[in-house]
């Protein structure tokens, strides 16, 4: 993709730049925004399961 950007014509260069920018922003979003959100969701579900298990143990 970089070679098309560097060696391509003016028309394809703007399209390739937009695609490369989307890939970079999408990668950033996945690594630095979605990962902490997924971690918090997983941590809450583990905590919820632990509380649920403790309640079941206390009832019996």
N, C-alpha and C. Protein backbone atom coordinates (compact mmCIF):
# COMPACT_ATOMS: atom_id res chain seq x y z
N UNK A 1 0.83 -1.18 0.00
CA UNK A 1 0.00 0.00 0.00
C UNK A 1 0.88 1.25 0.00
N UNK A 2 1.98 1.20 0.72
CA UNK A 2 2.88 2.36 0.74
C UNK A 2 3.48 2.61 -0.63
N UNK A 3 3.79 1.53 -1.35
CA UNK A 3 4.39 1.71 -2.67
C UNK A 3 3.39 2.33 -3.65
N UNK A 4 2.12 1.98 -3.52
CA UNK A 4 1.11 2.59 -4.38
C UNK A 4 1.00 4.08 -4.05
N UNK A 5 1.09 4.40 -2.76
CA UNK A 5 1.03 5.81 -2.36
C UNK A 5 2.22 6.59 -2.92
N UNK A 6 3.39 6.01 -2.83
CA UNK A 6 4.59 6.72 -3.28
C UNK A 6 4.74 6.75 -4.79
N UNK A 7 4.40 5.65 -5.46
CA UNK A 7 4.64 5.55 -6.89
C UNK A 7 3.41 5.80 -7.75
N UNK A 8 2.23 5.85 -7.14
CA UNK A 8 1.00 6.02 -7.90
C UNK A 8 0.80 7.45 -8.37
N UNK A 9 -0.20 7.61 -9.20
CA UNK A 9 -0.51 8.95 -9.72
C UNK A 9 -1.25 9.78 -8.69
N UNK A 10 -1.60 11.00 -9.07
CA UNK A 10 -2.24 11.93 -8.14
C UNK A 10 -3.62 11.44 -7.72
N UNK A 11 -4.34 10.83 -8.61
CA UNK A 11 -5.69 10.36 -8.29
C UNK A 11 -5.64 9.21 -7.29
N UNK A 12 -4.81 8.23 -7.54
CA UNK A 12 -4.73 7.08 -6.66
C UNK A 12 -4.03 7.44 -5.35
N UNK A 13 -3.19 8.44 -5.37
CA UNK A 13 -2.46 8.84 -4.16
C UNK A 13 -3.41 9.33 -3.08
N UNK A 14 -4.40 10.14 -3.44
CA UNK A 14 -5.34 10.64 -2.42
C UNK A 14 -6.19 9.51 -1.86
N UNK A 15 -6.59 8.58 -2.71
CA UNK A 15 -7.36 7.42 -2.26
C UNK A 15 -6.52 6.56 -1.33
N UNK A 16 -5.28 6.30 -1.70
CA UNK A 16 -4.40 5.48 -0.89
C UNK A 16 -4.11 6.15 0.44
N UNK A 17 -3.95 7.46 0.45
CA UNK A 17 -3.73 8.19 1.69
C UNK A 17 -4.92 8.01 2.63
N UNK A 18 -6.14 8.11 2.08
CA UNK A 18 -7.33 7.93 2.91
C UNK A 18 -7.39 6.52 3.49
N UNK A 19 -7.06 5.52 2.70
CA UNK A 19 -7.06 4.13 3.17
C UNK A 19 -6.00 3.95 4.26
N UNK A 20 -4.80 4.45 4.05
CA UNK A 20 -3.74 4.32 5.05
C UNK A 20 -4.11 5.03 6.35
N UNK A 21 -4.70 6.20 6.24
CA UNK A 21 -5.13 6.94 7.41
C UNK A 21 -6.19 6.15 8.18
N UNK A 22 -7.11 5.53 7.48
CA UNK A 22 -8.13 4.71 8.12
C UNK A 22 -7.54 3.50 8.83
N UNK A 23 -6.55 2.88 8.23
CA UNK A 23 -5.89 1.73 8.87
C UNK A 23 -5.18 2.17 10.15
N UNK A 24 -4.49 3.28 10.09
CA UNK A 24 -3.75 3.77 11.27
C UNK A 24 -4.72 4.14 12.38
N UNK A 25 -5.77 4.87 12.07
CA UNK A 25 -6.74 5.30 13.09
C UNK A 25 -7.49 4.08 13.64
N UNK A 26 -7.84 3.14 12.78
CA UNK A 26 -8.52 1.93 13.25
C UNK A 26 -7.65 1.09 14.17
N UNK A 27 -6.37 0.99 13.86
CA UNK A 27 -5.45 0.25 14.72
C UNK A 27 -5.31 0.95 16.07
N UNK A 28 -5.16 2.24 16.05
CA UNK A 28 -5.06 3.01 17.30
C UNK A 28 -6.31 2.81 18.14
N UNK A 29 -7.46 2.89 17.50
CA UNK A 29 -8.72 2.74 18.22
C UNK A 29 -8.83 1.37 18.85
N UNK A 30 -8.46 0.35 18.12
CA UNK A 30 -8.55 -1.00 18.65
C UNK A 30 -7.61 -1.20 19.83
N UNK A 31 -6.40 -0.74 19.72
CA UNK A 31 -5.41 -0.99 20.77
C UNK A 31 -5.62 -0.14 22.01
N UNK A 32 -5.90 1.13 21.85
CA UNK A 32 -5.87 2.04 22.99
C UNK A 32 -7.24 2.47 23.49
N UNK A 33 -8.29 2.19 22.78
CA UNK A 33 -9.62 2.56 23.24
C UNK A 33 -10.46 1.32 23.55
N UNK A 34 -10.49 0.37 22.64
CA UNK A 34 -11.33 -0.81 22.84
C UNK A 34 -10.76 -1.77 23.88
N UNK A 35 -9.45 -1.86 24.00
CA UNK A 35 -8.85 -2.80 24.94
C UNK A 35 -9.20 -2.47 26.39
N UNK A 36 -9.08 -1.22 26.85
CA UNK A 36 -9.49 -0.93 28.24
C UNK A 36 -10.98 -1.18 28.48
N UNK A 37 -11.81 -0.91 27.48
CA UNK A 37 -13.24 -1.15 27.63
C UNK A 37 -13.50 -2.65 27.77
N UNK A 38 -12.87 -3.46 26.94
CA UNK A 38 -13.04 -4.91 27.04
C UNK A 38 -12.51 -5.44 28.36
N UNK A 39 -11.41 -4.88 28.85
CA UNK A 39 -10.86 -5.28 30.15
C UNK A 39 -11.83 -4.99 31.28
N UNK A 40 -12.44 -3.81 31.27
CA UNK A 40 -13.41 -3.45 32.31
C UNK A 40 -14.64 -4.36 32.26
N UNK A 41 -15.11 -4.67 31.07
CA UNK A 41 -16.27 -5.55 30.94
C UNK A 41 -15.94 -6.94 31.49
N UNK A 42 -14.77 -7.44 31.16
CA UNK A 42 -14.37 -8.75 31.65
C UNK A 42 -14.19 -8.73 33.17
N UNK A 43 -13.60 -7.68 33.71
CA UNK A 43 -13.39 -7.57 35.15
C UNK A 43 -14.73 -7.54 35.88
N UNK A 44 -15.71 -6.82 35.33
CA UNK A 44 -17.04 -6.76 35.96
C UNK A 44 -17.73 -8.12 35.93
N UNK A 45 -17.58 -8.84 34.81
CA UNK A 45 -18.24 -10.14 34.74
C UNK A 45 -17.59 -11.14 35.70
N UNK A 46 -16.29 -11.06 35.89
CA UNK A 46 -15.61 -11.93 36.86
C UNK A 46 -16.06 -11.58 38.27
N UNK A 47 -16.14 -10.30 38.58
CA UNK A 47 -16.60 -9.87 39.90
C UNK A 47 -18.04 -10.29 40.15
N UNK A 48 -18.87 -10.17 39.13
CA UNK A 48 -20.27 -10.56 39.24
C UNK A 48 -20.39 -12.06 39.49
N UNK A 49 -19.58 -12.86 38.80
CA UNK A 49 -19.59 -14.31 38.99
C UNK A 49 -19.12 -14.67 40.39
N UNK A 50 -18.13 -13.95 40.90
CA UNK A 50 -17.63 -14.23 42.25
C UNK A 50 -18.69 -13.92 43.30
N UNK A 51 -19.39 -12.81 43.14
CA UNK A 51 -20.45 -12.44 44.07
C UNK A 51 -21.59 -13.45 43.98
N UNK A 52 -21.94 -13.84 42.78
CA UNK A 52 -22.99 -14.83 42.58
C UNK A 52 -22.61 -16.17 43.23
N UNK A 53 -21.36 -16.57 43.07
CA UNK A 53 -20.90 -17.82 43.68
C UNK A 53 -20.90 -17.72 45.19
N UNK A 54 -20.54 -16.56 45.74
CA UNK A 54 -20.52 -16.37 47.19
C UNK A 54 -21.95 -16.41 47.73
N UNK A 55 -22.89 -15.86 47.00
CA UNK A 55 -24.29 -15.88 47.44
C UNK A 55 -24.84 -17.30 47.43
N UNK A 56 -24.49 -18.08 46.42
CA UNK A 56 -24.96 -19.47 46.36
C UNK A 56 -24.38 -20.28 47.51
N UNK A 57 -23.12 -20.03 47.84
CA UNK A 57 -22.49 -20.74 48.94
C UNK A 57 -23.11 -20.35 50.27
N UNK A 58 -23.45 -19.06 50.44
CA UNK A 58 -24.04 -18.58 51.68
C UNK A 58 -25.45 -19.13 51.87
N UNK A 59 -26.17 -19.36 50.80
CA UNK A 59 -27.55 -19.86 50.89
C UNK A 59 -27.61 -21.33 51.27
N UNK A 60 -26.58 -22.08 50.92
CA UNK A 60 -26.65 -23.52 51.21
C UNK A 60 -26.03 -23.87 52.53
